[in-house]
Amino acid sequence: MTTFADLGISKEVIKAMDEMGWTVPTPVQVAAIPVGLAGHDLFAQAQTGTGKTGTYASIIMGKIRAGSKAPAVLILTPTRELTIQVTEEMEKISKYTGHSSVSIYGGVSLSPQISKLEHGVDIVVGTPGRVKDLIIRRDLNSSKITMVVLDEADRMLDMGFSKDLEFILSKISKQRQTLMFSATMSPDIKRLAVRHMINPEELLVSKDKPVLDLIKQYYIITDVDSKRNALCTILDNNDPRTIVFCHTKRKVNQLTKKMLADGYIAGAIHGDVAQNKREKIINAFKDGSLNLLIATDVAARGLDIDDVTYVINYDMPNDPETYVHRIGRVGRAGKEGIAVSFIMHEERNMIKPIEKQTGMTLEILDLEIIERPDPIIIRPLPPKKFAPAEKRGPKVPYGKAAGTAKTTSKVSGKSYNNSDFKKKKDPDAPASMEINLGCSDKITKGELCNFIVNSTGIPSRDIGSIIMGEKSAFVELRRKDGDNVAADLSDYEYKGKEIKARLI
């Protein structure tokens, strides 16, 4: 059996790994660490939870001397959560090497991050948007960087960071070592590797098995009304530490309120939750004071939490690869986990593609679902506002509902009801949404479409024509989706720009 010492890892790093409970290297570590320590560029396909962070941390600690005044290593990640978690892992692994790390991400003040950079740091871990901003401001000195790590490169491209990555890599010496990790081997990823790496070693690490072998996968055929009953039944039977995935921020908020009203200890994370609150919720979930985490895909991407026993796909993902990323939250550190998908009747055709992707069979979960009434969510009544008498409308006769009083037409003499004049709008009719991203933001139609899909969970097939203007774009959607999509997009950031969207 291969040991960490066999891979050429330093004694200081191995000592830290022992204290972290790591005893045997994972397949990606066995394949990649010797290549990286030898100085080669490498491109490894590996899923979340397969030991990627330990892989590149071991290479960094073995090749980069501690005590730099300017950063020597840059690690790029797609989300704030992953940035924080990678930094925490780097600090644990560097306990006996002396390397220092800092997290750089948007949504929080620049000043503390700049202050840490000014004091000197060896390793910068950051999201592309904030890293690019700091390079432009000259607060991040990229001239001494000799190693770059692209973690979850496919996700960074999916989230529209392609141009940011190109800019950042163009500002770093070509004589660097580049390590890229991705869950998929898409053509876009390969093109990125070809442009920015020198004869990279391509490593295909047993694609999904390190994550999925320990996960039992089930599904339940449900409808919209029975999903919450099914979730509560699972939680009541097992009291597990559970992550629940929903498509949109709105759905996450709605479900969290209902679960809290039902007496469950639940927390929500999505793009609109303030960063300090997100960190508190994730820490509470890690230490066990919170057992139920309800999240969107983007917010939960990169969550590295051991001892998660259940993943619930409350809303089914749009594709099999997202399914694999979601259920990869369980089955870690040699422990078994369970994934349960709530599949509506019209979604049955998603089962076979998922089974093909995972190479495993989804079994029907034998569960007697206990029905329960919707919880009563008490909301404070808004204060009453009384208009001045002269501004009030005519009094409605007793027994007549407001807005339904009859009026007589002077022309025909026929009576009609005011409500007859309310237009009935077809929910499937097309509607146009305006979003404050345009050609001046250097975003293409394809990148805008990907951003909307990844931020809201709406399928790309439900997005119609896109018209790009200089400062804004107009996107065709179904009317019934429009308000929710616009609300979910608002307050998101795209490359540091706050998003505003509205249905017109």
Protein backbone atom coordinates (compact mmCIF):
# COMPACT_ATOMS: atom_id res chain seq x y z
CA MET A 1 0.00 0.00 0.00
CA THR A 2 1.33 3.45 -0.98
CA THR A 3 2.03 5.80 1.93
CA PHE A 4 2.37 9.60 2.03
CA ALA A 5 6.11 9.17 2.58
CA ASP A 6 6.33 7.08 -0.62
CA LEU A 7 4.97 10.08 -2.58
CA GLY A 8 7.88 12.31 -1.53
CA ILE A 9 5.87 14.55 0.81
CA SER A 10 7.88 16.38 3.48
CA LYS A 11 7.94 15.13 7.08
CA GLU A 12 6.38 18.39 8.31
CA VAL A 13 3.37 17.98 5.99
CA ILE A 14 2.97 14.30 6.88
CA LYS A 15 2.97 15.21 10.59
CA ALA A 16 0.13 17.68 9.99
CA MET A 17 -1.76 15.10 7.93
CA ASP A 18 -1.45 12.56 10.75
CA GLU A 19 -3.03 15.06 13.14
CA MET A 20 -5.85 15.64 10.62
CA GLY A 21 -6.56 11.91 10.60
CA TRP A 22 -5.26 11.25 7.07
CA THR A 23 -3.68 7.80 6.97
CA VAL A 24 -3.80 6.65 3.34
CA PRO A 25 -3.43 8.80 0.20
CA THR A 26 -6.37 8.96 -2.22
CA PRO A 27 -6.05 7.95 -5.90
CA VAL A 28 -5.67 11.55 -7.08
CA GLN A 29 -2.92 12.14 -4.50
CA VAL A 30 -1.04 9.01 -5.56
CA ALA A 31 -1.23 10.01 -9.23
CA ALA A 32 -0.62 13.75 -9.01
CA ILE A 33 1.74 14.54 -6.10
CA PRO A 34 4.90 12.95 -7.59
CA VAL A 35 4.21 14.70 -10.93
CA GLY A 36 3.73 18.07 -9.23
CA LEU A 37 6.78 17.71 -6.97
CA ALA A 38 8.85 16.96 -10.08
CA GLY A 39 7.89 20.43 -11.38
CA HIS A 40 5.56 19.43 -14.21
CA ASP A 41 2.34 21.20 -15.13
CA LEU A 42 -0.58 18.86 -14.55
CA PHE A 43 -4.24 18.61 -15.44
CA ALA A 44 -6.20 16.22 -13.24
CA GLN A 45 -9.83 15.23 -13.62
CA ALA A 46 -11.16 14.64 -10.11
CA GLN A 47 -14.48 15.14 -8.36
CA THR A 48 -15.11 17.12 -5.18
CA GLY A 49 -14.19 15.10 -2.10
CA THR A 50 -11.33 13.11 -3.65
CA GLY A 51 -8.47 14.85 -1.83
CA LYS A 52 -7.64 17.60 -4.35
CA THR A 53 -6.76 20.22 -1.74
CA GLY A 54 -4.36 17.84 0.01
CA THR A 55 -2.84 17.10 -3.40
CA TYR A 56 -1.88 20.61 -4.39
CA ALA A 57 -1.14 21.65 -0.79
CA SER A 58 1.49 18.88 -0.58
CA ILE A 59 3.05 20.06 -3.84
CA ILE A 60 3.05 23.72 -2.74
CA MET A 61 4.63 22.98 0.67
CA GLY A 62 7.25 20.80 -0.99
CA LYS A 63 8.32 23.36 -3.62
CA ILE A 64 7.69 26.85 -2.23
CA ARG A 65 9.78 28.29 0.60
CA ALA A 66 7.84 29.90 3.47
CA GLY A 67 8.25 33.55 4.50
CA SER A 68 7.58 35.38 1.23
CA LYS A 69 6.96 39.14 1.26
CA ALA A 70 5.05 38.93 -2.02
CA PRO A 71 2.77 35.96 -2.83
CA ALA A 72 4.50 32.97 -4.43
CA VAL A 73 1.35 30.90 -5.00
CA LEU A 74 -2.11 31.80 -6.35
CA ILE A 75 -5.03 29.38 -5.94
CA LEU A 76 -8.18 30.32 -7.87
CA THR A 77 -11.57 28.91 -6.84
CA PRO A 78 -15.12 29.57 -8.13
CA THR A 79 -16.90 30.55 -4.88
CA ARG A 80 -16.37 32.35 -1.58
CA GLU A 81 -17.21 29.21 0.39
CA LEU A 82 -14.60 27.12 -1.39
CA THR A 83 -12.05 29.92 -1.03
CA ILE A 84 -12.54 29.98 2.75
CA GLN A 85 -12.43 26.20 3.07
CA VAL A 86 -9.29 25.85 0.95
CA THR A 87 -7.59 28.51 3.08
CA GLU A 88 -8.55 26.67 6.27
CA GLU A 89 -7.17 23.42 4.84
CA MET A 90 -3.93 25.11 3.76
CA GLU A 91 -3.46 26.50 7.26
CA LYS A 92 -3.90 23.03 8.81
CA ILE A 93 -1.49 21.37 6.38
CA SER A 94 1.12 24.13 6.80
CA LYS A 95 1.04 23.89 10.61
CA TYR A 96 4.70 22.75 10.76
CA THR A 97 6.00 24.35 7.54
CA GLY A 98 5.33 28.01 8.38
CA HIS A 99 3.54 28.91 5.15
CA SER A 100 0.95 31.68 5.45
CA SER A 101 -2.31 31.96 3.48
CA VAL A 102 -5.00 34.60 2.88
CA SER A 103 -8.53 34.45 1.43
CA ILE A 104 -9.49 36.99 -1.24
CA TYR A 105 -13.16 37.17 -2.31
CA GLY A 106 -15.95 39.64 -3.06
CA GLY A 107 -18.96 40.66 -1.01
CA VAL A 108 -16.84 41.96 1.89
CA SER A 109 -14.61 44.98 2.53
CA LEU A 110 -11.33 45.23 0.63
CA SER A 111 -9.37 46.79 3.50
CA PRO A 112 -8.71 43.68 5.67
CA GLN A 113 -7.67 41.66 2.63
CA ILE A 114 -5.30 44.40 1.41
CA SER A 115 -3.86 44.73 4.93
CA LYS A 116 -2.99 41.01 5.03
CA LEU A 117 -1.33 41.25 1.61
CA GLU A 118 0.74 44.23 2.77
CA HIS A 119 2.03 42.29 5.78
CA GLY A 120 3.36 39.56 3.49
CA VAL A 121 1.85 36.20 2.60
CA ASP A 122 3.01 33.04 0.79
CA ILE A 123 -0.28 31.78 -0.64
CA VAL A 124 -3.28 33.72 -1.96
CA VAL A 125 -6.56 31.81 -2.31
CA GLY A 126 -9.22 33.78 -4.16
CA THR A 127 -12.15 34.09 -6.53
CA PRO A 128 -11.32 35.38 -10.03
CA GLY A 129 -13.35 38.60 -9.82
CA ARG A 130 -11.75 39.90 -6.62
CA VAL A 131 -8.25 38.71 -7.59
CA LYS A 132 -8.54 40.57 -10.91
CA ASP A 133 -9.71 43.74 -9.12
CA LEU A 134 -6.76 43.65 -6.70
CA ILE A 135 -4.27 43.11 -9.52
CA ILE A 136 -5.71 46.11 -11.40
CA ARG A 137 -5.52 48.21 -8.21
CA ARG A 138 -1.91 47.01 -7.75
CA ASP A 139 -2.73 45.80 -4.25
CA LEU A 140 -1.90 42.23 -5.29
CA ASN A 141 1.67 41.85 -6.53
CA SER A 142 1.67 39.04 -9.11
CA SER A 143 5.31 39.43 -10.17
CA LYS A 144 6.68 36.84 -7.71
CA ILE A 145 4.07 34.13 -8.29
CA THR A 146 5.72 30.91 -9.47
CA MET A 147 2.80 28.49 -9.04
CA VAL A 148 -0.89 28.79 -10.01
CA VAL A 149 -3.64 26.34 -9.06
CA LEU A 150 -7.02 26.35 -10.84
CA ASP A 151 -9.41 24.46 -8.55
CA GLU A 152 -12.77 23.40 -10.07
CA ALA A 153 -11.79 25.00 -13.37
CA ASP A 154 -14.96 23.76 -15.08
CA ARG A 155 -17.15 25.55 -12.54
CA MET A 156 -15.24 28.81 -13.00
CA LEU A 157 -15.91 28.67 -16.74
CA ASP A 158 -19.59 27.79 -16.12
CA MET A 159 -19.93 30.87 -13.91
CA GLY A 160 -18.59 33.19 -16.62
CA PHE A 161 -15.06 33.73 -15.28
CA SER A 162 -13.31 32.87 -18.56
CA LYS A 163 -12.14 36.41 -19.34
CA ASP A 164 -11.09 37.03 -15.73
CA LEU A 165 -8.94 33.88 -15.83
CA GLU A 166 -7.36 34.97 -19.10
CA PHE A 167 -6.53 38.38 -17.62
CA ILE A 168 -5.08 36.98 -14.38
CA LEU A 169 -2.92 34.36 -16.10
CA SER A 170 -1.62 36.99 -18.55
CA LYS A 171 -0.27 38.98 -15.58
CA ILE A 172 1.76 36.07 -14.17
CA SER A 173 5.14 34.90 -15.46
CA LYS A 174 4.96 32.17 -18.11
CA GLN A 175 7.82 30.45 -16.25
CA ARG A 176 5.37 29.33 -13.59
CA GLN A 177 4.08 25.87 -12.71
CA THR A 178 0.34 25.45 -13.32
CA LEU A 179 -1.87 22.82 -11.68
CA MET A 180 -5.45 22.45 -12.93
CA PHE A 181 -8.21 20.36 -11.35
CA SER A 182 -11.60 19.85 -12.97
CA ALA A 183 -14.53 17.49 -12.58
CA THR A 184 -15.04 17.36 -16.35
CA MET A 185 -12.86 17.25 -19.46
CA SER A 186 -14.91 19.60 -21.63
CA PRO A 187 -13.45 21.14 -24.83
CA ASP A 188 -13.38 24.57 -23.14
CA ILE A 189 -11.30 23.20 -20.27
CA LYS A 190 -8.87 21.53 -22.66
CA ARG A 191 -8.47 24.76 -24.64
CA LEU A 192 -7.72 26.63 -21.42
CA ALA A 193 -5.09 24.04 -20.53
CA VAL A 194 -3.46 24.21 -23.96
CA ARG A 195 -3.23 28.02 -23.86
CA HIS A 196 -1.79 28.37 -20.37
CA MET A 197 0.14 25.18 -19.58
CA ILE A 198 3.41 23.72 -20.84
CA ASN A 199 3.21 20.03 -21.83
CA PRO A 200 0.89 19.21 -18.93
CA GLU A 201 0.57 15.68 -17.58
CA GLU A 202 -3.08 14.68 -18.05
CA LEU A 203 -4.38 12.52 -15.21
CA LEU A 204 -7.77 10.77 -15.38
CA VAL A 205 -8.41 9.74 -11.81
CA SER A 206 -11.14 7.07 -11.55
CA LYS A 207 -13.74 9.62 -12.46
CA ASP A 208 -16.56 9.17 -9.95
CA LYS A 209 -15.82 6.06 -7.87
CA PRO A 210 -13.84 7.75 -5.07
CA VAL A 211 -17.00 9.72 -4.27
CA LEU A 212 -19.86 7.41 -5.21
CA ASP A 213 -18.81 3.96 -3.97
CA LEU A 214 -19.84 4.80 -0.42
CA ILE A 215 -23.14 6.48 -1.35
CA LYS A 216 -26.46 4.66 -1.43
CA GLN A 217 -28.68 6.34 -4.01
CA TYR A 218 -32.48 6.34 -3.83
CA TYR A 219 -35.39 8.20 -5.37
CA ILE A 220 -39.03 8.89 -4.50
CA ILE A 221 -41.72 9.74 -7.06
CA THR A 222 -43.41 12.85 -5.65
CA ASP A 223 -45.47 15.85 -6.61
CA VAL A 224 -44.97 19.45 -5.50
CA ASP A 225 -47.30 19.10 -2.51
CA SER A 226 -45.74 15.92 -1.10
CA LYS A 227 -42.06 16.95 -1.17
CA ARG A 228 -42.03 18.62 2.24
CA ASN A 229 -43.91 15.69 3.79
CA ALA A 230 -41.29 13.30 2.36
CA LEU A 231 -38.44 15.46 3.69
CA CYS A 232 -39.95 15.66 7.18
CA THR A 233 -40.55 11.90 7.24
CA ILE A 234 -36.88 11.21 6.42
CA LEU A 235 -35.67 13.67 9.05
CA ASP A 236 -38.03 12.29 11.71
CA ASN A 237 -36.94 8.70 11.07
CA ASN A 238 -33.21 9.28 11.21
CA ASP A 239 -32.41 12.78 12.57
CA PRO A 240 -29.48 12.93 10.12
CA ARG A 241 -27.11 15.77 9.29
CA THR A 242 -28.63 16.72 5.95
CA ILE A 243 -28.00 19.06 3.01
CA VAL A 244 -31.10 19.85 0.93
CA PHE A 245 -30.71 21.28 -2.57
CA CYS A 246 -33.26 23.62 -4.18
CA HIS A 247 -33.11 25.37 -7.55
CA THR A 248 -33.59 28.98 -6.48
CA LYS A 249 -32.97 31.36 -3.61
CA ARG A 250 -36.71 31.94 -3.33
CA LYS A 251 -37.38 28.22 -2.88
CA VAL A 252 -34.55 27.94 -0.32
CA ASN A 253 -36.06 30.77 1.72
CA GLN A 254 -39.60 29.39 1.52
CA LEU A 255 -38.60 25.88 2.55
CA THR A 256 -36.34 27.11 5.36
CA LYS A 257 -39.15 29.19 6.87
CA LYS A 258 -41.52 26.21 6.80
CA MET A 259 -38.94 23.85 8.34
CA LEU A 260 -38.13 26.34 11.11
CA ALA A 261 -41.87 26.78 11.80
CA ASP A 262 -42.12 22.98 12.02
CA GLY A 263 -39.46 22.95 14.74
CA TYR A 264 -36.40 21.81 12.75
CA ILE A 265 -33.05 23.53 13.29
CA ALA A 266 -32.38 24.72 9.75
CA GLY A 267 -30.16 27.25 8.00
CA ALA A 268 -30.22 28.65 4.46
CA ILE A 269 -27.32 29.63 2.21
CA HIS A 270 -27.60 31.28 -1.19
CA GLY A 271 -26.21 34.27 -3.03
CA ASP A 272 -28.22 36.86 -1.08
CA VAL A 273 -27.16 35.71 2.40
CA ALA A 274 -24.56 38.11 3.84
CA GLN A 275 -21.07 36.63 4.01
CA ASN A 276 -20.72 36.82 7.80
CA LYS A 277 -24.09 35.07 8.20
CA ARG A 278 -23.13 32.39 5.66
CA GLU A 279 -19.95 31.64 7.59
CA LYS A 280 -21.88 31.38 10.88
CA ILE A 281 -24.41 28.99 9.33
CA ILE A 282 -21.73 26.78 7.76
CA ASN A 283 -19.73 26.70 11.02
CA ALA A 284 -22.89 25.77 12.95
CA PHE A 285 -23.51 22.96 10.47
CA LYS A 286 -19.92 21.77 10.83
CA ASP A 287 -20.00 21.70 14.64
CA GLY A 288 -23.38 19.94 14.75
CA SER A 289 -25.44 22.73 16.33
CA LEU A 290 -27.34 22.90 13.03
CA ASN A 291 -28.49 19.64 11.41
CA LEU A 292 -30.30 20.86 8.30
CA LEU A 293 -28.67 23.01 5.62
CA ILE A 294 -30.86 24.18 2.71
CA ALA A 295 -28.91 25.56 -0.24
CA THR A 296 -28.67 26.43 -3.90
CA ASP A 297 -26.06 24.75 -6.10
CA VAL A 298 -23.88 27.86 -6.42
CA ALA A 299 -23.81 28.55 -2.66
CA ALA A 300 -23.04 24.93 -1.73
CA ARG A 301 -20.39 24.35 -4.37
CA GLY A 302 -17.13 23.30 -2.71
CA LEU A 303 -18.59 22.70 0.76
CA ASP A 304 -16.12 20.36 2.43
CA ILE A 305 -17.91 19.02 5.51
CA ASP A 306 -17.36 15.55 6.93
CA ASP A 307 -20.10 13.50 8.63
CA VAL A 308 -22.92 14.62 6.32
CA THR A 309 -25.22 11.60 6.25
CA TYR A 310 -27.94 12.65 3.79
CA VAL A 311 -28.16 14.73 0.63
CA ILE A 312 -31.72 15.44 -0.50
CA ASN A 313 -32.38 16.62 -4.06
CA TYR A 314 -35.57 18.53 -3.19
CA ASP A 315 -35.49 19.93 -6.74
CA MET A 316 -33.81 17.72 -9.32
CA PRO A 317 -30.63 19.14 -10.90
CA ASN A 318 -30.61 20.13 -14.57
CA ASP A 319 -27.96 17.61 -15.62
CA PRO A 320 -26.23 14.42 -14.38
CA GLU A 321 -22.92 16.18 -13.65
CA THR A 322 -24.61 18.56 -11.21
CA TYR A 323 -26.23 15.51 -9.60
CA VAL A 324 -22.76 14.00 -9.02
CA HIS A 325 -21.48 17.25 -7.50
CA ARG A 326 -24.46 17.44 -5.15
CA ILE A 327 -24.32 13.89 -3.82
CA GLY A 328 -20.54 14.18 -3.43
CA ARG A 329 -21.25 16.01 -0.16
CA VAL A 330 -21.68 12.57 1.48
CA GLY A 331 -19.55 9.42 1.40
CA ARG A 332 -16.41 11.24 2.55
CA ALA A 333 -13.51 10.16 4.71
CA GLY A 334 -14.43 6.48 4.33
CA LYS A 335 -17.95 6.96 5.77
CA GLU A 336 -21.14 5.85 4.05
CA GLY A 337 -23.82 8.33 3.05
CA ILE A 338 -27.29 8.37 1.51
CA ALA A 339 -28.63 10.47 -1.38
CA VAL A 340 -32.38 10.75 -1.97
CA SER A 341 -33.91 12.48 -5.00
CA PHE A 342 -37.49 13.73 -5.12
CA ILE A 343 -38.49 13.04 -8.72
CA MET A 344 -41.79 14.32 -10.06
CA HIS A 345 -43.71 12.21 -12.57
CA GLU A 346 -42.63 14.32 -15.54
CA GLU A 347 -38.95 13.99 -14.47
CA ARG A 348 -38.76 10.18 -14.67
CA ASN A 349 -36.70 10.43 -17.87
CA MET A 350 -33.81 11.86 -15.79
CA ILE A 351 -33.15 8.56 -14.01
CA LYS A 352 -31.37 6.71 -16.85
CA PRO A 353 -28.90 9.54 -17.71
CA ILE A 354 -27.96 9.77 -14.02
CA GLU A 355 -27.44 6.00 -13.78
CA LYS A 356 -25.29 6.15 -16.92
CA GLN A 357 -23.22 9.01 -15.49
CA THR A 358 -22.66 7.32 -12.12
CA GLY A 359 -22.50 3.71 -13.30
CA MET A 360 -24.84 2.86 -10.43
CA THR A 361 -28.53 2.08 -10.07
CA LEU A 362 -30.97 4.40 -8.32
CA GLU A 363 -33.32 2.39 -6.14
CA ILE A 364 -36.86 3.33 -5.13
CA LEU A 365 -36.92 4.29 -1.44
CA ASP A 366 -39.52 2.33 0.49
CA LEU A 367 -40.88 5.14 2.64
CA GLU A 368 -44.32 5.61 4.15
CA ILE A 369 -44.72 9.36 3.83
CA ILE A 370 -46.53 10.96 6.78
CA GLU A 371 -48.70 13.90 5.77
CA ARG A 372 -48.72 17.02 7.89
CA PRO A 373 -50.43 20.39 7.58
CA ASP A 374 -48.53 23.43 6.41
CA PRO A 375 -47.01 25.23 9.40
CA ILE A 376 -48.54 28.52 10.47
CA ILE A 377 -45.93 31.20 9.83
CA ILE A 378 -46.79 34.28 11.90
CA ARG A 379 -45.82 37.55 10.27
CA PRO A 380 -46.30 40.98 11.85
CA LEU A 381 -49.12 43.00 10.29
CA PRO A 382 -47.99 46.17 8.50
CA PRO A 383 -49.12 49.43 10.14
CA LYS A 384 -52.38 50.76 8.75
CA LYS A 385 -52.13 53.85 6.60
CA PHE A 386 -55.20 56.05 6.22
CA ALA A 387 -55.49 58.35 3.23
CA PRO A 388 -56.89 61.85 3.74
CA ALA A 389 -60.66 61.95 3.28
CA GLU A 390 -60.47 63.94 0.06
CA LYS A 391 -58.16 61.29 -1.51
CA ARG A 392 -60.28 58.32 -0.61
CA GLY A 393 -62.40 56.73 -3.31
CA PRO A 394 -66.20 56.56 -3.22
CA LYS A 395 -67.65 54.38 -0.49
CA VAL A 396 -68.65 50.89 -1.55
CA PRO A 397 -72.25 50.07 -0.63
CA TYR A 398 -72.60 47.64 2.28
CA GLY A 399 -72.47 44.07 1.03
CA LYS A 400 -70.36 44.93 -2.02
CA ALA A 401 -66.70 43.92 -2.08
CA ALA A 402 -64.23 46.68 -2.82
CA GLY A 403 -63.33 46.78 -6.51
CA THR A 404 -66.45 44.86 -7.59
CA ALA A 405 -69.10 47.61 -7.37
CA LYS A 406 -71.28 47.77 -10.47
CA THR A 407 -71.11 50.77 -12.78
CA THR A 408 -73.58 51.76 -15.47
CA SER A 409 -72.38 52.60 -18.95
CA LYS A 410 -73.76 55.91 -20.20
CA VAL A 411 -73.75 54.60 -23.75
CA SER A 412 -75.38 51.19 -23.48
CA GLY A 413 -77.04 51.40 -20.09
CA LYS A 414 -75.67 47.92 -19.36
CA SER A 415 -74.12 47.19 -16.01
CA TYR A 416 -70.70 45.60 -15.76
CA ASN A 417 -68.33 44.49 -13.06
CA ASN A 418 -65.01 46.38 -12.71
CA SER A 419 -63.14 43.08 -12.38
CA ASP A 420 -64.18 42.23 -15.95
CA PHE A 421 -61.59 44.72 -17.13
CA LYS A 422 -58.66 42.92 -15.48
CA LYS A 423 -56.55 41.36 -18.19
CA LYS A 424 -55.86 37.66 -17.89
CA LYS A 425 -52.23 36.97 -18.76
CA ASP A 426 -51.15 33.63 -20.21
CA PRO A 427 -48.44 32.25 -17.84
CA ASP A 428 -46.69 30.51 -20.76
CA ALA A 429 -46.68 33.63 -22.93
CA PRO A 430 -43.22 35.12 -23.56
CA ALA A 431 -42.10 38.05 -21.43
CA SER A 432 -38.99 40.20 -21.58
CA MET A 433 -36.57 40.68 -18.68
CA GLU A 434 -34.07 43.53 -18.62
CA ILE A 435 -30.74 42.87 -16.89
CA ASN A 436 -27.96 45.43 -16.36
CA LEU A 437 -25.28 43.45 -18.22
CA GLY A 438 -24.37 44.44 -21.76
CA CYS A 439 -21.60 44.58 -24.34
CA SER A 440 -19.66 47.08 -22.22
CA ASP A 441 -19.36 44.38 -19.54
CA LYS A 442 -17.63 42.15 -22.11
CA ILE A 443 -20.14 39.34 -21.73
CA THR A 444 -21.40 37.22 -24.61
CA LYS A 445 -24.92 35.86 -25.09
CA GLY A 446 -23.70 32.37 -24.19
CA GLU A 447 -21.99 33.61 -21.01
CA LEU A 448 -25.11 35.54 -20.03
CA CYS A 449 -27.27 32.46 -20.58
CA ASN A 450 -24.90 30.34 -18.43
CA PHE A 451 -24.91 32.99 -15.70
CA ILE A 452 -28.73 33.02 -15.56
CA VAL A 453 -28.93 29.21 -15.54
CA ASN A 454 -26.31 28.81 -12.79
CA SER A 455 -27.72 31.63 -10.63
CA THR A 456 -31.41 30.70 -10.75
CA GLY A 457 -31.62 27.02 -11.68
CA ILE A 458 -33.90 27.73 -14.66
CA PRO A 459 -33.25 25.25 -17.53
CA SER A 460 -31.49 26.79 -20.53
CA ARG A 461 -34.31 25.48 -22.73
CA ASP A 462 -36.68 27.95 -21.01
CA ILE A 463 -34.58 30.94 -22.09
CA GLY A 464 -35.57 32.42 -25.45
CA SER A 465 -33.92 35.13 -27.51
CA ILE A 466 -31.29 37.41 -25.98
CA ILE A 467 -30.77 40.94 -27.32
CA MET A 468 -27.50 42.55 -26.21
CA GLY A 469 -27.32 46.31 -25.71
CA GLU A 470 -24.36 48.40 -24.66
CA LYS A 471 -25.24 48.56 -20.96
CA SER A 472 -28.10 46.08 -20.63
CA ALA A 473 -29.59 42.99 -22.25
CA PHE A 474 -33.15 41.82 -22.86
CA VAL A 475 -33.87 38.16 -22.23
CA GLU A 476 -37.03 36.36 -23.32
CA LEU A 477 -38.59 34.08 -20.67
CA ARG A 478 -41.95 32.51 -19.95
CA ARG A 479 -44.12 35.00 -18.07
CA LYS A 480 -44.69 32.60 -15.16
CA ASP A 481 -40.91 32.31 -14.65
CA GLY A 482 -40.06 35.95 -15.21
CA ASP A 483 -40.68 37.51 -11.79
CA ASN A 484 -38.93 34.70 -9.92
CA VAL A 485 -35.90 34.74 -12.23
CA ALA A 486 -35.59 38.53 -11.99
CA ALA A 487 -35.87 38.40 -8.19
CA ASP A 488 -33.29 35.62 -7.92
CA LEU A 489 -30.81 37.47 -10.14
CA SER A 490 -31.11 40.80 -8.35
CA ASP A 491 -28.26 41.46 -5.90
CA TYR A 492 -26.09 38.73 -7.44
CA GLU A 493 -22.69 39.88 -8.57
CA TYR A 494 -21.10 39.28 -11.97
CA LYS A 495 -17.38 40.04 -11.97
CA GLY A 496 -17.87 42.41 -9.06
CA LYS A 497 -20.89 44.19 -10.56
CA GLU A 498 -24.17 44.11 -8.60
CA ILE A 499 -26.91 42.68 -10.76
CA LYS A 500 -30.30 44.34 -11.23
CA ALA A 501 -33.03 42.62 -13.22
CA ARG A 502 -36.70 43.38 -13.84
CA LEU A 503 -39.59 42.09 -15.93
CA ILE A 504 -40.79 44.66 -18.48
